[in-house]
């Protein structure tokens, strides 16, 4: 395990200490957890962007998409525990 030094202003250091106490953690554990959560969030956002770019490219290549109203009805039914038929993609109209 390596060591990294970070510089914190006194106010932030005090806030971290207080928040760590409230969380029942050491300041070190609190900081490590905060960094890990931030890294996880950035990685998840990057994956979301990768998927969105792939889907956008497919939309541009095929010109087909599921209308939002159809998708919304499908998702609402799934949310109610139903097993609806997936809506089919259609060519976009210009």
C-alpha atoms as a PDB file:
ATOM      1  CA  UNK A   1       0.000   0.000   0.000  1.00  0.00           C
ATOM      2  CA  UNK A   2       1.341   3.421  -0.877  1.00  0.00           C
ATOM      3  CA  UNK A   3       1.035   6.712   0.962  1.00  0.00           C
ATOM      4  CA  UNK A   4      -0.351   9.906  -0.565  1.00  0.00           C
ATOM      5  CA  UNK A   5      -0.210  13.282   1.099  1.00  0.00           C
ATOM      6  CA  UNK A   6      -3.061  15.739   0.668  1.00  0.00           C
ATOM      7  CA  UNK A   7      -3.214  19.253   1.968  1.00  0.00           C
ATOM      8  CA  UNK A   8      -6.452  20.294   3.660  1.00  0.00           C
ATOM      9  CA  UNK A   9      -7.347  23.711   4.950  1.00  0.00           C
ATOM     10  CA  UNK A  10      -8.084  23.758   8.659  1.00  0.00           C
ATOM     11  CA  UNK A  11     -11.839  24.247   8.208  1.00  0.00           C
ATOM     12  CA  UNK A  12     -12.197  21.231   5.911  1.00  0.00           C
ATOM     13  CA  UNK A  13     -10.027  19.106   8.185  1.00  0.00           C
ATOM     14  CA  UNK A  14     -12.289  19.954  11.134  1.00  0.00           C
ATOM     15  CA  UNK A  15     -15.415  19.203   9.082  1.00  0.00           C
ATOM     16  CA  UNK A  16     -13.973  15.847   8.008  1.00  0.00           C
ATOM     17  CA  UNK A  17     -13.132  15.008  11.601  1.00  0.00           C
ATOM     18  CA  UNK A  18     -16.652  15.901  12.770  1.00  0.00           C
ATOM     19  CA  UNK A  19     -18.306  13.981   9.923  1.00  0.00           C
ATOM     20  CA  UNK A  20     -16.074  10.965  10.571  1.00  0.00           C
ATOM     21  CA  UNK A  21     -17.070  11.006  14.237  1.00  0.00           C
ATOM     22  CA  UNK A  22     -20.746  11.094  13.257  1.00  0.00           C
ATOM     23  CA  UNK A  23     -20.158   8.169  10.901  1.00  0.00           C
ATOM     24  CA  UNK A  24     -18.276   6.237  13.584  1.00  0.00           C
ATOM     25  CA  UNK A  25     -15.079   6.148  11.525  1.00  0.00           C
ATOM     26  CA  UNK A  26     -11.590   7.507  11.756  1.00  0.00           C
ATOM     27  CA  UNK A  27     -10.849  10.551   9.620  1.00  0.00           C
ATOM     28  CA  UNK A  28      -8.560   8.352   7.509  1.00  0.00           C
ATOM     29  CA  UNK A  29     -11.282   5.752   6.869  1.00  0.00           C
ATOM     30  CA  UNK A  30     -13.780   8.512   6.131  1.00  0.00           C
ATOM     31  CA  UNK A  31     -11.460  10.097   3.532  1.00  0.00           C
ATOM     32  CA  UNK A  32     -10.616   6.742   1.917  1.00  0.00           C
ATOM     33  CA  UNK A  33     -14.337   5.873   1.685  1.00  0.00           C
ATOM     34  CA  UNK A  34     -15.139   9.285   0.182  1.00  0.00           C
ATOM     35  CA  UNK A  35     -12.413   8.874  -2.436  1.00  0.00           C
ATOM     36  CA  UNK A  36     -13.564   5.331  -3.264  1.00  0.00           C
ATOM     37  CA  UNK A  37     -17.186   6.506  -3.680  1.00  0.00           C
ATOM     38  CA  UNK A  38     -16.069   9.348  -5.935  1.00  0.00           C
ATOM     39  CA  UNK A  39     -13.980   6.994  -8.078  1.00  0.00           C
ATOM     40  CA  UNK A  40     -16.928   4.562  -8.302  1.00  0.00           C
ATOM     41  CA  UNK A  41     -19.221   7.417  -9.370  1.00  0.00           C
ATOM     42  CA  UNK A  42     -16.828   8.661 -12.057  1.00  0.00           C
ATOM     43  CA  UNK A  43     -16.383   5.130 -13.404  1.00  0.00           C
ATOM     44  CA  UNK A  44     -20.148   4.541 -13.452  1.00  0.00           C
ATOM     45  CA  UNK A  45     -20.726   7.847 -15.265  1.00  0.00           C
ATOM     46  CA  UNK A  46     -18.060   6.930 -17.823  1.00  0.00           C
ATOM     47  CA  UNK A  47     -19.742   3.558 -18.409  1.00  0.00           C
ATOM     48  CA  UNK A  48     -23.104   5.308 -18.822  1.00  0.00           C
ATOM     49  CA  UNK A  49     -21.582   7.665 -21.397  1.00  0.00           C
ATOM     50  CA  UNK A  50     -19.990   4.727 -23.224  1.00  0.00           C
ATOM     51  CA  UNK A  51     -23.357   2.944 -23.422  1.00  0.00           C
ATOM     52  CA  UNK A  52     -25.126   6.140 -24.513  1.00  0.00           C
ATOM     53  CA  UNK A  53     -22.575   6.766 -27.271  1.00  0.00           C
ATOM     54  CA  UNK A  54     -22.935   3.173 -28.496  1.00  0.00           C
ATOM     55  CA  UNK A  55     -26.728   3.459 -28.550  1.00  0.00           C
ATOM     56  CA  UNK A  56     -26.587   6.873 -30.266  1.00  0.00           C
ATOM     57  CA  UNK A  57     -24.326   5.404 -32.957  1.00  0.00           C
ATOM     58  CA  UNK A  58     -26.799   2.539 -33.442  1.00  0.00           C
ATOM     59  CA  UNK A  59     -29.691   4.995 -33.712  1.00  0.00           C
ATOM     60  CA  UNK A  60     -27.829   7.015 -36.335  1.00  0.00           C
ATOM     61  CA  UNK A  61     -26.879   3.860 -38.257  1.00  0.00           C
ATOM     62  CA  UNK A  62     -30.313   2.227 -38.252  1.00  0.00           C
ATOM     63  CA  UNK A  63     -32.647   5.202 -37.942  1.00  0.00           C
ATOM     64  CA  UNK A  64     -34.804   3.071 -35.626  1.00  0.00           C
ATOM     65  CA  UNK A  65     -35.920   3.902 -32.121  1.00  0.00           C
ATOM     66  CA  UNK A  66     -38.598   2.991 -29.593  1.00  0.00           C
ATOM     67  CA  UNK A  67     -40.987   5.929 -29.128  1.00  0.00           C
ATOM     68  CA  UNK A  68     -40.850   7.374 -25.617  1.00  0.00           C
ATOM     69  CA  UNK A  69     -44.562   6.778 -24.959  1.00  0.00           C
ATOM     70  CA  UNK A  70     -44.142   3.081 -25.765  1.00  0.00           C
ATOM     71  CA  UNK A  71     -41.016   2.810 -23.629  1.00  0.00           C
ATOM     72  CA  UNK A  72     -42.688   4.662 -20.746  1.00  0.00           C
ATOM     73  CA  UNK A  73     -45.711   2.323 -20.794  1.00  0.00           C
ATOM     74  CA  UNK A  74     -43.405  -0.695 -20.907  1.00  0.00           C
ATOM     75  CA  UNK A  75     -41.311   0.533 -17.973  1.00  0.00           C
ATOM     76  CA  UNK A  76     -44.387   1.428 -15.916  1.00  0.00           C
ATOM     77  CA  UNK A  77     -45.800  -2.061 -16.449  1.00  0.00           C
ATOM     78  CA  UNK A  78     -42.469  -3.621 -15.441  1.00  0.00           C
ATOM     79  CA  UNK A  79     -42.485  -1.415 -12.351  1.00  0.00           C
ATOM     80  CA  UNK A  80     -45.894  -2.824 -11.416  1.00  0.00           C
ATOM     81  CA  UNK A  81     -44.474  -6.353 -11.662  1.00  0.00           C
ATOM     82  CA  UNK A  82     -46.143  -7.160 -14.977  1.00  0.00           C
ATOM     83  CA  UNK A  83     -44.362  -8.892 -17.868  1.00  0.00           C
ATOM     84  CA  UNK A  84     -45.297  -6.772 -20.882  1.00  0.00           C
ATOM     85  CA  UNK A  85     -44.076  -7.408 -24.420  1.00  0.00           C
ATOM     86  CA  UNK A  86     -41.060  -5.252 -25.246  1.00  0.00           C
ATOM     87  CA  UNK A  87     -41.944  -2.403 -27.611  1.00  0.00           C
ATOM     88  CA  UNK A  88     -40.476  -2.657 -31.092  1.00  0.00           C
ATOM     89  CA  UNK A  89     -38.236  -0.071 -32.672  1.00  0.00           C
ATOM     90  CA  UNK A  90     -39.560   1.946 -35.589  1.00  0.00           C
ATOM     91  CA  UNK A  91     -37.900   4.136 -38.170  1.00  0.00           C
ATOM     92  CA  UNK A  92     -37.778   7.735 -37.062  1.00  0.00           C
ATOM     93  CA  UNK A  93     -39.931  10.164 -38.986  1.00  0.00           C
ATOM     94  CA  UNK A  94     -38.357  13.437 -40.061  1.00  0.00           C
END
